[in-house]
């Protein structure tokens, strides 16, 4: 779970730039600790039944799933499910996935324990049929090496508030916007 902290910091830096309309700036992303050859390869999280539907409870469960998917993407470099769980209009989501892709394509790594959820609450119904969900997360410290042979960057992590606008799509949710209030 070492790599997940890196993702967390990358996301923090990336999302911080999303509230003012500027283009997202990559922040460290979650990644997992390197595993030994005898350890099982982690698999992408499956969307739980609780995250399906369009109720307030399913919106909160979906945000939990999205964060697990983010942590997996940071530790593995596999961003397909993260992209599937986000709309193309979510600039922060796209920026996070692109950052992870860039790091792993260049032979880099992200290590740390990712985002740990402390609390999730429904803030209100968003525009249209969407919902706004706040997640208070502990972002673990992380190390990011942006390319093979590159210098490691350390990010301290910390407690962060993440605000998700989720919109219904195909009897579930997708993240349409991800903000980090300052």
N, C-alpha and C. Protein backbone atom coordinates (compact mmCIF):
# COMPACT_ATOMS: atom_id res chain seq x y z
N UNK A 1 0.81 -1.19 0.00
CA UNK A 1 0.00 0.00 0.00
C UNK A 1 0.85 1.25 0.00
N UNK A 2 2.12 1.10 -0.18
CA UNK A 2 3.05 2.21 -0.20
C UNK A 2 2.70 3.22 -1.26
N UNK A 3 2.37 2.79 -2.45
CA UNK A 3 2.16 3.67 -3.57
C UNK A 3 0.96 4.57 -3.45
N UNK A 4 0.01 4.23 -2.64
CA UNK A 4 -1.23 5.00 -2.55
C UNK A 4 -1.02 6.38 -1.96
N UNK A 5 -0.04 6.54 -1.14
CA UNK A 5 0.19 7.86 -0.58
C UNK A 5 0.60 8.82 -1.67
N UNK A 6 1.40 8.36 -2.59
CA UNK A 6 1.83 9.20 -3.70
C UNK A 6 0.65 9.70 -4.49
N UNK A 7 -0.29 8.85 -4.73
CA UNK A 7 -1.48 9.25 -5.47
C UNK A 7 -2.24 10.30 -4.68
N UNK A 8 -2.30 10.11 -3.39
CA UNK A 8 -3.05 11.03 -2.56
C UNK A 8 -2.50 12.43 -2.64
N UNK A 9 -1.21 12.56 -2.60
CA UNK A 9 -0.63 13.89 -2.66
C UNK A 9 -0.81 14.47 -4.05
N UNK A 10 -0.60 13.66 -5.07
CA UNK A 10 -0.79 14.13 -6.43
C UNK A 10 -2.20 14.62 -6.64
N UNK A 11 -3.13 13.90 -6.13
CA UNK A 11 -4.52 14.29 -6.27
C UNK A 11 -4.77 15.57 -5.50
N UNK A 12 -4.18 15.69 -4.34
CA UNK A 12 -4.37 16.89 -3.55
C UNK A 12 -3.88 18.11 -4.32
N UNK A 13 -2.71 18.02 -4.92
CA UNK A 13 -2.19 19.14 -5.68
C UNK A 13 -3.03 19.39 -6.91
N UNK A 14 -3.46 18.33 -7.56
CA UNK A 14 -4.27 18.45 -8.76
C UNK A 14 -5.61 19.08 -8.45
N UNK A 15 -6.28 18.60 -7.45
CA UNK A 15 -7.61 19.07 -7.14
C UNK A 15 -7.59 20.49 -6.60
N UNK A 16 -6.53 20.87 -5.93
CA UNK A 16 -6.46 22.22 -5.39
C UNK A 16 -6.61 23.26 -6.49
N UNK A 17 -6.17 22.95 -7.69
CA UNK A 17 -6.27 23.90 -8.79
C UNK A 17 -7.62 23.90 -9.46
N UNK A 18 -8.56 23.06 -9.04
CA UNK A 18 -9.81 22.90 -9.76
C UNK A 18 -10.92 23.81 -9.29
N UNK A 19 -10.78 24.47 -8.19
CA UNK A 19 -11.87 25.28 -7.68
C UNK A 19 -11.90 26.66 -8.30
N UNK A 20 -10.81 27.08 -8.92
CA UNK A 20 -10.80 28.44 -9.45
C UNK A 20 -10.92 28.47 -10.97
N UNK A 21 -11.23 27.34 -11.59
CA UNK A 21 -11.41 27.30 -13.03
C UNK A 21 -10.11 27.13 -13.80
N UNK A 22 -8.97 27.14 -13.10
CA UNK A 22 -7.71 26.93 -13.80
C UNK A 22 -7.57 25.45 -14.14
N UNK A 23 -6.64 25.15 -15.02
CA UNK A 23 -6.46 23.76 -15.40
C UNK A 23 -5.88 23.00 -14.22
N UNK A 24 -6.23 21.71 -14.09
CA UNK A 24 -5.77 20.93 -12.95
C UNK A 24 -4.25 20.80 -12.94
N UNK A 25 -3.70 20.81 -11.73
CA UNK A 25 -2.28 20.61 -11.55
C UNK A 25 -2.09 19.27 -10.87
N UNK A 26 -1.26 18.40 -11.43
CA UNK A 26 -1.11 17.06 -10.86
C UNK A 26 -0.68 17.12 -9.42
N UNK A 27 -1.29 16.27 -8.63
CA UNK A 27 -0.86 16.09 -7.26
C UNK A 27 -0.56 14.63 -7.10
N UNK A 28 0.16 14.28 -6.09
CA UNK A 28 0.52 12.88 -5.92
C UNK A 28 -0.72 12.02 -5.77
N UNK A 29 -0.60 10.81 -6.22
CA UNK A 29 -1.71 9.89 -6.25
C UNK A 29 -1.44 8.67 -5.39
N UNK A 30 -2.50 7.94 -5.02
CA UNK A 30 -2.29 6.76 -4.18
C UNK A 30 -1.57 5.66 -4.93
N UNK A 31 -0.77 4.92 -4.24
CA UNK A 31 -0.14 3.76 -4.83
C UNK A 31 0.08 2.73 -3.74
N UNK A 32 0.36 1.55 -4.13
CA UNK A 32 0.54 0.48 -3.16
C UNK A 32 2.01 0.16 -2.98
N UNK A 33 2.32 -0.49 -1.89
CA UNK A 33 3.66 -0.94 -1.63
C UNK A 33 4.01 -2.05 -2.61
N UNK A 34 5.23 -2.10 -3.01
CA UNK A 34 5.64 -3.18 -3.90
C UNK A 34 5.39 -4.51 -3.21
N UNK A 35 4.92 -5.47 -3.98
CA UNK A 35 4.62 -6.77 -3.41
C UNK A 35 5.70 -7.77 -3.80
N UNK A 36 5.86 -8.77 -2.98
CA UNK A 36 6.82 -9.81 -3.31
C UNK A 36 6.21 -10.72 -4.37
N UNK A 37 7.05 -11.51 -4.99
CA UNK A 37 6.57 -12.37 -6.06
C UNK A 37 5.58 -13.40 -5.55
N UNK A 38 5.60 -13.69 -4.25
CA UNK A 38 4.67 -14.67 -3.70
C UNK A 38 3.32 -14.05 -3.35
N UNK A 39 3.25 -12.73 -3.30
CA UNK A 39 1.99 -12.06 -2.95
C UNK A 39 1.07 -12.04 -4.16
N UNK A 40 -0.22 -12.09 -3.89
CA UNK A 40 -1.20 -12.05 -4.97
C UNK A 40 -1.24 -10.66 -5.57
N UNK A 41 -1.45 -10.58 -6.87
CA UNK A 41 -1.58 -9.31 -7.54
C UNK A 41 -2.93 -8.71 -7.17
N UNK A 42 -2.95 -7.47 -6.69
CA UNK A 42 -4.23 -6.87 -6.31
C UNK A 42 -5.10 -6.67 -7.55
N UNK A 43 -6.40 -6.79 -7.34
CA UNK A 43 -7.30 -6.57 -8.46
C UNK A 43 -8.11 -5.31 -8.21
N UNK A 44 -8.61 -4.76 -9.29
CA UNK A 44 -9.40 -3.53 -9.20
C UNK A 44 -10.63 -3.78 -8.35
N UNK A 45 -11.03 -2.81 -7.56
CA UNK A 45 -12.24 -2.99 -6.75
C UNK A 45 -13.47 -3.12 -7.65
N UNK A 46 -14.39 -3.95 -7.22
CA UNK A 46 -15.67 -4.09 -7.93
C UNK A 46 -16.66 -3.12 -7.31
N UNK A 47 -17.54 -2.57 -8.14
CA UNK A 47 -18.55 -1.66 -7.61
C UNK A 47 -19.51 -2.46 -6.73
N UNK A 48 -19.65 -2.07 -5.48
CA UNK A 48 -20.56 -2.79 -4.59
C UNK A 48 -22.02 -2.51 -4.94
N UNK A 49 -22.88 -3.44 -4.60
CA UNK A 49 -24.32 -3.28 -4.86
C UNK A 49 -24.85 -2.00 -4.22
N UNK A 50 -24.30 -1.62 -3.07
CA UNK A 50 -24.76 -0.42 -2.35
C UNK A 50 -24.53 0.85 -3.16
N UNK A 51 -23.60 0.82 -4.12
CA UNK A 51 -23.28 2.01 -4.92
C UNK A 51 -24.15 2.12 -6.16
N UNK A 52 -25.01 1.13 -6.37
CA UNK A 52 -25.89 1.16 -7.54
C UNK A 52 -27.22 1.79 -7.15
N UNK A 53 -27.87 2.38 -8.12
CA UNK A 53 -29.11 3.10 -7.84
C UNK A 53 -28.82 4.58 -7.81
N UNK A 54 -29.82 5.36 -7.45
CA UNK A 54 -29.65 6.81 -7.46
C UNK A 54 -30.12 7.47 -6.15
N UNK A 55 -30.05 6.72 -5.06
CA UNK A 55 -30.42 7.26 -3.76
C UNK A 55 -29.24 7.99 -3.12
N UNK A 56 -29.51 8.72 -2.04
CA UNK A 56 -28.44 9.40 -1.30
C UNK A 56 -27.45 8.37 -0.74
N UNK A 57 -27.96 7.26 -0.24
CA UNK A 57 -27.08 6.21 0.31
C UNK A 57 -26.19 5.63 -0.78
N UNK A 58 -26.74 5.43 -1.98
CA UNK A 58 -25.92 4.88 -3.05
C UNK A 58 -24.88 5.90 -3.53
N UNK A 59 -25.21 7.19 -3.47
CA UNK A 59 -24.24 8.22 -3.86
C UNK A 59 -23.04 8.19 -2.91
N UNK A 60 -23.28 8.06 -1.61
CA UNK A 60 -22.19 7.99 -0.64
C UNK A 60 -21.37 6.71 -0.84
N UNK A 61 -22.05 5.59 -1.09
CA UNK A 61 -21.34 4.33 -1.34
C UNK A 61 -20.50 4.43 -2.62
N UNK A 62 -21.02 5.15 -3.62
CA UNK A 62 -20.27 5.31 -4.86
C UNK A 62 -19.00 6.12 -4.62
N UNK A 63 -19.07 7.17 -3.82
CA UNK A 63 -17.88 7.96 -3.53
C UNK A 63 -16.83 7.08 -2.84
N UNK A 64 -17.26 6.21 -1.93
CA UNK A 64 -16.33 5.26 -1.30
C UNK A 64 -15.66 4.38 -2.36
N UNK A 65 -16.48 3.87 -3.28
CA UNK A 65 -15.96 3.03 -4.37
C UNK A 65 -14.97 3.83 -5.24
N UNK A 66 -15.31 5.07 -5.57
CA UNK A 66 -14.45 5.89 -6.41
C UNK A 66 -13.09 6.07 -5.74
N UNK A 67 -13.08 6.33 -4.44
CA UNK A 67 -11.82 6.51 -3.71
C UNK A 67 -11.02 5.20 -3.70
N UNK A 68 -11.67 4.06 -3.51
CA UNK A 68 -10.97 2.77 -3.59
C UNK A 68 -10.37 2.58 -4.98
N UNK A 69 -11.12 2.98 -6.00
CA UNK A 69 -10.66 2.86 -7.38
C UNK A 69 -9.47 3.78 -7.63
N UNK A 70 -9.51 4.99 -7.08
CA UNK A 70 -8.39 5.91 -7.17
C UNK A 70 -7.15 5.31 -6.51
N UNK A 71 -7.31 4.78 -5.32
CA UNK A 71 -6.18 4.16 -4.62
C UNK A 71 -5.59 3.02 -5.43
N UNK A 72 -6.45 2.20 -6.02
CA UNK A 72 -5.98 1.09 -6.85
C UNK A 72 -5.22 1.62 -8.07
N UNK A 73 -5.77 2.63 -8.73
CA UNK A 73 -5.12 3.19 -9.92
C UNK A 73 -3.73 3.72 -9.58
N UNK A 74 -3.61 4.39 -8.45
CA UNK A 74 -2.31 4.93 -8.06
C UNK A 74 -1.30 3.84 -7.75
N UNK A 75 -1.74 2.75 -7.18
CA UNK A 75 -0.82 1.68 -6.81
C UNK A 75 -0.46 0.78 -7.99
N UNK A 76 -1.33 0.72 -8.98
CA UNK A 76 -1.13 -0.23 -10.08
C UNK A 76 -0.81 0.43 -11.42
N UNK A 77 -1.19 1.68 -11.57
CA UNK A 77 -1.05 2.35 -12.86
C UNK A 77 -2.22 2.06 -13.79
N UNK A 78 -3.19 1.27 -13.35
CA UNK A 78 -4.35 0.90 -14.17
C UNK A 78 -5.47 1.91 -13.92
N UNK A 79 -5.72 2.78 -14.90
CA UNK A 79 -6.68 3.87 -14.71
C UNK A 79 -8.02 3.66 -15.40
N UNK A 80 -8.23 2.54 -16.07
CA UNK A 80 -9.47 2.34 -16.84
C UNK A 80 -10.71 2.46 -15.96
N UNK A 81 -10.73 1.81 -14.81
CA UNK A 81 -11.93 1.87 -13.95
C UNK A 81 -12.12 3.26 -13.36
N UNK A 82 -11.05 3.96 -13.07
CA UNK A 82 -11.16 5.32 -12.57
C UNK A 82 -11.80 6.21 -13.63
N UNK A 83 -11.38 6.05 -14.86
CA UNK A 83 -11.97 6.81 -15.96
C UNK A 83 -13.44 6.43 -16.17
N UNK A 84 -13.76 5.16 -16.05
CA UNK A 84 -15.15 4.70 -16.21
C UNK A 84 -16.06 5.28 -15.12
N UNK A 85 -15.51 5.51 -13.94
CA UNK A 85 -16.30 5.99 -12.80
C UNK A 85 -16.42 7.51 -12.79
N UNK A 86 -15.82 8.17 -13.78
CA UNK A 86 -15.81 9.63 -13.87
C UNK A 86 -16.35 10.05 -15.22
N UNK A 87 -16.92 11.25 -15.27
CA UNK A 87 -17.34 11.77 -16.57
C UNK A 87 -16.15 12.46 -17.24
N UNK A 88 -16.15 12.55 -18.56
CA UNK A 88 -15.06 13.25 -19.24
C UNK A 88 -15.01 14.73 -18.85
N UNK A 89 -16.11 15.29 -18.38
CA UNK A 89 -16.16 16.70 -17.98
C UNK A 89 -15.48 16.96 -16.64
N UNK A 90 -15.17 15.93 -15.88
CA UNK A 90 -14.51 16.11 -14.58
C UNK A 90 -13.02 16.37 -14.84
N UNK A 91 -12.65 17.64 -14.84
CA UNK A 91 -11.27 18.02 -15.14
C UNK A 91 -10.30 17.42 -14.13
N UNK A 92 -10.64 17.43 -12.85
CA UNK A 92 -9.75 16.87 -11.84
C UNK A 92 -9.58 15.37 -12.04
N UNK A 93 -10.68 14.68 -12.33
CA UNK A 93 -10.63 13.22 -12.53
C UNK A 93 -9.74 12.88 -13.72
N UNK A 94 -9.93 13.60 -14.81
CA UNK A 94 -9.12 13.37 -16.02
C UNK A 94 -7.66 13.68 -15.73
N UNK A 95 -7.41 14.77 -15.03
CA UNK A 95 -6.03 15.15 -14.69
C UNK A 95 -5.35 14.11 -13.82
N UNK A 96 -6.07 13.57 -12.86
CA UNK A 96 -5.52 12.53 -11.98
C UNK A 96 -5.15 11.30 -12.81
N UNK A 97 -6.08 10.84 -13.64
CA UNK A 97 -5.82 9.65 -14.47
C UNK A 97 -4.65 9.89 -15.41
N UNK A 98 -4.57 11.06 -16.01
CA UNK A 98 -3.46 11.38 -16.90
C UNK A 98 -2.13 11.42 -16.16
N UNK A 99 -2.14 11.94 -14.93
CA UNK A 99 -0.92 11.97 -14.13
C UNK A 99 -0.45 10.56 -13.84
N UNK A 100 -1.35 9.70 -13.42
CA UNK A 100 -0.99 8.30 -13.14
C UNK A 100 -0.45 7.64 -14.40
N UNK A 101 -1.14 7.81 -15.51
CA UNK A 101 -0.70 7.22 -16.78
C UNK A 101 0.71 7.69 -17.14
N UNK A 102 0.96 8.99 -17.01
CA UNK A 102 2.28 9.55 -17.34
C UNK A 102 3.38 8.93 -16.47
N UNK A 103 3.13 8.86 -15.17
CA UNK A 103 4.14 8.31 -14.26
C UNK A 103 4.47 6.87 -14.64
N UNK A 104 3.46 6.04 -14.79
CA UNK A 104 3.71 4.63 -15.06
C UNK A 104 4.22 4.37 -16.47
N UNK A 105 3.77 5.14 -17.45
CA UNK A 105 4.25 4.99 -18.83
C UNK A 105 5.74 5.29 -18.91
N UNK A 106 6.20 6.22 -18.09
CA UNK A 106 7.61 6.61 -18.10
C UNK A 106 8.47 5.75 -17.17
N UNK A 107 7.87 4.70 -16.61
CA UNK A 107 8.62 3.80 -15.74
C UNK A 107 8.74 4.28 -14.31
N UNK A 108 7.96 5.29 -13.94
CA UNK A 108 7.99 5.83 -12.59
C UNK A 108 7.13 5.02 -11.63
N UNK A 109 6.95 5.56 -10.44
CA UNK A 109 6.15 4.86 -9.44
C UNK A 109 5.52 5.85 -8.46
N UNK A 110 4.47 5.38 -7.84
CA UNK A 110 3.78 6.13 -6.79
C UNK A 110 3.67 5.18 -5.61
N UNK A 111 4.16 5.61 -4.45
CA UNK A 111 4.09 4.72 -3.29
C UNK A 111 3.56 5.46 -2.08
N UNK A 112 2.71 4.77 -1.33
CA UNK A 112 2.09 5.30 -0.13
C UNK A 112 0.79 4.56 0.14
N UNK A 113 0.03 5.00 1.10
CA UNK A 113 -1.19 4.28 1.49
C UNK A 113 -2.47 4.92 0.99
N UNK A 114 -2.40 5.93 0.15
CA UNK A 114 -3.60 6.48 -0.48
C UNK A 114 -4.48 7.30 0.44
N UNK A 115 -5.75 7.32 0.10
CA UNK A 115 -6.74 8.08 0.86
C UNK A 115 -7.47 7.13 1.80
N UNK A 116 -7.52 7.48 3.06
CA UNK A 116 -8.32 6.75 4.04
C UNK A 116 -9.53 7.60 4.39
N UNK A 117 -10.69 7.03 4.24
CA UNK A 117 -11.93 7.78 4.47
C UNK A 117 -12.22 7.88 5.96
N UNK A 118 -12.42 9.10 6.44
CA UNK A 118 -12.80 9.33 7.83
C UNK A 118 -14.31 9.53 7.94
N UNK A 119 -14.88 10.25 6.97
CA UNK A 119 -16.31 10.56 7.02
C UNK A 119 -16.81 10.91 5.63
N UNK A 120 -18.04 10.48 5.33
CA UNK A 120 -18.69 10.86 4.09
C UNK A 120 -20.09 11.33 4.44
N UNK A 121 -20.49 12.46 3.86
CA UNK A 121 -21.85 12.96 4.12
C UNK A 121 -22.42 13.61 2.88
N UNK A 122 -23.71 13.47 2.73
CA UNK A 122 -24.43 14.12 1.64
C UNK A 122 -24.59 15.59 2.01
N UNK A 123 -24.17 16.46 1.13
CA UNK A 123 -24.28 17.90 1.37
C UNK A 123 -25.64 18.38 0.88
N UNK A 124 -25.95 18.07 -0.38
CA UNK A 124 -27.25 18.44 -0.93
C UNK A 124 -27.43 17.80 -2.29
N UNK A 125 -28.60 17.99 -2.80
CA UNK A 125 -28.85 17.57 -4.18
C UNK A 125 -28.19 18.61 -5.06
N UNK A 126 -27.41 18.15 -6.01
CA UNK A 126 -26.70 19.06 -6.89
C UNK A 126 -27.58 19.49 -8.04
N UNK A 127 -26.96 20.05 -9.07
CA UNK A 127 -27.72 20.47 -10.24
C UNK A 127 -28.41 19.26 -10.90
N UNK A 128 -29.60 19.47 -11.39
CA UNK A 128 -30.33 18.38 -12.02
C UNK A 128 -30.62 17.28 -11.01
N UNK A 129 -30.25 16.08 -11.37
CA UNK A 129 -30.47 14.94 -10.46
C UNK A 129 -29.20 14.54 -9.73
N UNK A 130 -28.16 15.36 -9.81
CA UNK A 130 -26.89 15.05 -9.16
C UNK A 130 -26.95 15.29 -7.66
N UNK A 131 -25.93 14.82 -6.97
CA UNK A 131 -25.81 15.02 -5.53
C UNK A 131 -24.40 15.47 -5.21
N UNK A 132 -24.28 16.31 -4.19
CA UNK A 132 -22.98 16.76 -3.73
C UNK A 132 -22.65 16.00 -2.45
N UNK A 133 -21.49 15.38 -2.45
CA UNK A 133 -21.06 14.54 -1.33
C UNK A 133 -19.69 15.03 -0.86
N UNK A 134 -19.55 15.28 0.44
CA UNK A 134 -18.26 15.63 1.03
C UNK A 134 -17.62 14.38 1.60
N UNK A 135 -16.33 14.24 1.38
CA UNK A 135 -15.56 13.15 1.98
C UNK A 135 -14.37 13.76 2.71
N UNK A 136 -14.28 13.50 3.99
CA UNK A 136 -13.13 13.91 4.77
C UNK A 136 -12.17 12.73 4.73
N UNK A 137 -10.97 12.95 4.18
CA UNK A 137 -10.03 11.85 4.00
C UNK A 137 -8.69 12.18 4.64
N UNK A 138 -8.02 11.13 5.07
CA UNK A 138 -6.63 11.24 5.49
C UNK A 138 -5.79 10.82 4.30
N UNK A 139 -5.01 11.75 3.80
CA UNK A 139 -4.13 11.48 2.68
C UNK A 139 -2.79 11.06 3.27
N UNK A 140 -2.39 9.84 2.99
CA UNK A 140 -1.13 9.32 3.54
C UNK A 140 0.06 9.97 2.84
N UNK A 141 1.19 10.07 3.54
CA UNK A 141 2.40 10.56 2.88
C UNK A 141 2.72 9.66 1.69
N UNK A 142 3.38 10.23 0.70
CA UNK A 142 3.72 9.41 -0.47
C UNK A 142 5.02 9.86 -1.11
N UNK A 143 5.54 8.95 -1.91
CA UNK A 143 6.74 9.20 -2.71
C UNK A 143 6.35 9.01 -4.16
N UNK A 144 6.71 9.97 -5.01
CA UNK A 144 6.42 9.87 -6.43
C UNK A 144 7.74 9.99 -7.19
N UNK A 145 7.98 9.02 -8.06
CA UNK A 145 9.10 9.06 -8.99
C UNK A 145 8.44 9.19 -10.36
N UNK A 146 8.60 10.33 -10.98
CA UNK A 146 7.86 10.63 -12.21
C UNK A 146 8.35 9.87 -13.44
N UNK A 147 9.56 9.33 -13.39
CA UNK A 147 10.09 8.55 -14.53
C UNK A 147 11.18 7.62 -14.03
N UNK A 148 11.43 6.59 -14.79
CA UNK A 148 12.47 5.62 -14.43
C UNK A 148 13.79 6.35 -14.22
N UNK A 149 14.41 6.08 -13.08
CA UNK A 149 15.68 6.71 -12.76
C UNK A 149 15.55 8.13 -12.24
N UNK A 150 14.32 8.63 -12.15
CA UNK A 150 14.10 10.00 -11.68
C UNK A 150 14.24 10.12 -10.17
N UNK A 151 14.30 11.35 -9.73
CA UNK A 151 14.41 11.63 -8.30
C UNK A 151 13.04 11.50 -7.64
N UNK A 152 13.02 10.94 -6.46
CA UNK A 152 11.79 10.76 -5.70
C UNK A 152 11.35 12.09 -5.08
N UNK A 153 10.05 12.38 -5.18
CA UNK A 153 9.47 13.56 -4.54
C UNK A 153 8.62 13.08 -3.37
N UNK A 154 8.79 13.70 -2.22
CA UNK A 154 8.03 13.33 -1.03
C UNK A 154 6.89 14.33 -0.83
N UNK A 155 5.72 13.80 -0.51
CA UNK A 155 4.55 14.61 -0.17
C UNK A 155 4.07 14.18 1.21
N UNK A 156 3.85 15.15 2.09
CA UNK A 156 3.52 14.85 3.48
C UNK A 156 2.12 14.28 3.69
N UNK A 157 1.18 14.62 2.86
CA UNK A 157 -0.19 14.16 3.10
C UNK A 157 -0.86 15.04 4.14
N UNK A 158 -1.94 14.53 4.72
CA UNK A 158 -2.69 15.27 5.73
C UNK A 158 -4.17 15.04 5.56
N UNK A 159 -4.94 15.66 6.41
CA UNK A 159 -6.41 15.53 6.34
C UNK A 159 -6.94 16.54 5.33
N UNK A 160 -7.82 16.07 4.43
CA UNK A 160 -8.37 16.93 3.38
C UNK A 160 -9.86 16.71 3.23
N UNK A 161 -10.55 17.77 2.85
CA UNK A 161 -11.96 17.68 2.50
C UNK A 161 -12.05 17.63 0.98
N UNK A 162 -12.72 16.62 0.46
CA UNK A 162 -12.93 16.47 -0.98
C UNK A 162 -14.43 16.58 -1.22
N UNK A 163 -14.83 17.39 -2.18
CA UNK A 163 -16.24 17.56 -2.50
C UNK A 163 -16.49 16.98 -3.89
N UNK A 164 -17.41 16.04 -3.95
CA UNK A 164 -17.74 15.33 -5.17
C UNK A 164 -19.12 15.75 -5.64
N UNK A 165 -19.26 16.07 -6.92
CA UNK A 165 -20.56 16.18 -7.54
C UNK A 165 -20.72 14.90 -8.34
N UNK A 166 -21.69 14.08 -7.93
CA UNK A 166 -21.94 12.83 -8.63
C UNK A 166 -23.25 12.96 -9.41
N UNK A 167 -23.24 12.42 -10.61
CA UNK A 167 -24.43 12.48 -11.46
C UNK A 167 -24.86 11.07 -11.81
N UNK A 168 -26.17 10.85 -11.90
CA UNK A 168 -26.64 9.49 -12.23
C UNK A 168 -26.39 9.15 -13.69
N UNK A 169 -26.03 7.88 -13.89
CA UNK A 169 -25.83 7.37 -15.24
C UNK A 169 -25.93 5.86 -15.18
N UNK A 170 -26.85 5.30 -15.95
CA UNK A 170 -27.04 3.85 -16.05
C UNK A 170 -27.21 3.20 -14.68
N UNK A 171 -28.17 3.66 -13.90
CA UNK A 171 -28.51 3.12 -12.58
C UNK A 171 -27.35 3.12 -11.60
N UNK A 172 -26.46 4.08 -11.74
CA UNK A 172 -25.37 4.25 -10.80
C UNK A 172 -24.96 5.72 -10.84
N UNK A 173 -23.74 5.99 -10.45
CA UNK A 173 -23.24 7.35 -10.37
C UNK A 173 -21.93 7.47 -11.13
N UNK A 174 -21.56 8.69 -11.44
CA UNK A 174 -20.26 9.02 -12.00
C UNK A 174 -19.84 10.34 -11.40
N UNK A 175 -18.54 10.50 -11.15
CA UNK A 175 -18.05 11.76 -10.61
C UNK A 175 -17.97 12.76 -11.76
N UNK A 176 -18.73 13.84 -11.63
CA UNK A 176 -18.76 14.89 -12.65
C UNK A 176 -17.85 16.05 -12.29
N UNK A 177 -17.55 16.18 -10.99
CA UNK A 177 -16.66 17.25 -10.53
C UNK A 177 -16.07 16.83 -9.19
N UNK A 178 -14.82 17.17 -9.01
CA UNK A 178 -14.11 16.90 -7.76
C UNK A 178 -13.40 18.18 -7.36
N UNK A 179 -13.75 18.70 -6.19
CA UNK A 179 -13.15 19.94 -5.69
C UNK A 179 -12.50 19.68 -4.35
N UNK A 180 -11.55 20.53 -4.04
CA UNK A 180 -10.91 20.51 -2.74
C UNK A 180 -10.92 21.93 -2.20
N UNK A 181 -11.89 22.24 -1.36
CA UNK A 181 -11.93 23.60 -0.78
C UNK A 181 -10.64 23.89 -0.02
N UNK A 182 -10.22 25.12 -0.07
CA UNK A 182 -8.96 25.47 0.61
C UNK A 182 -9.19 25.79 2.04
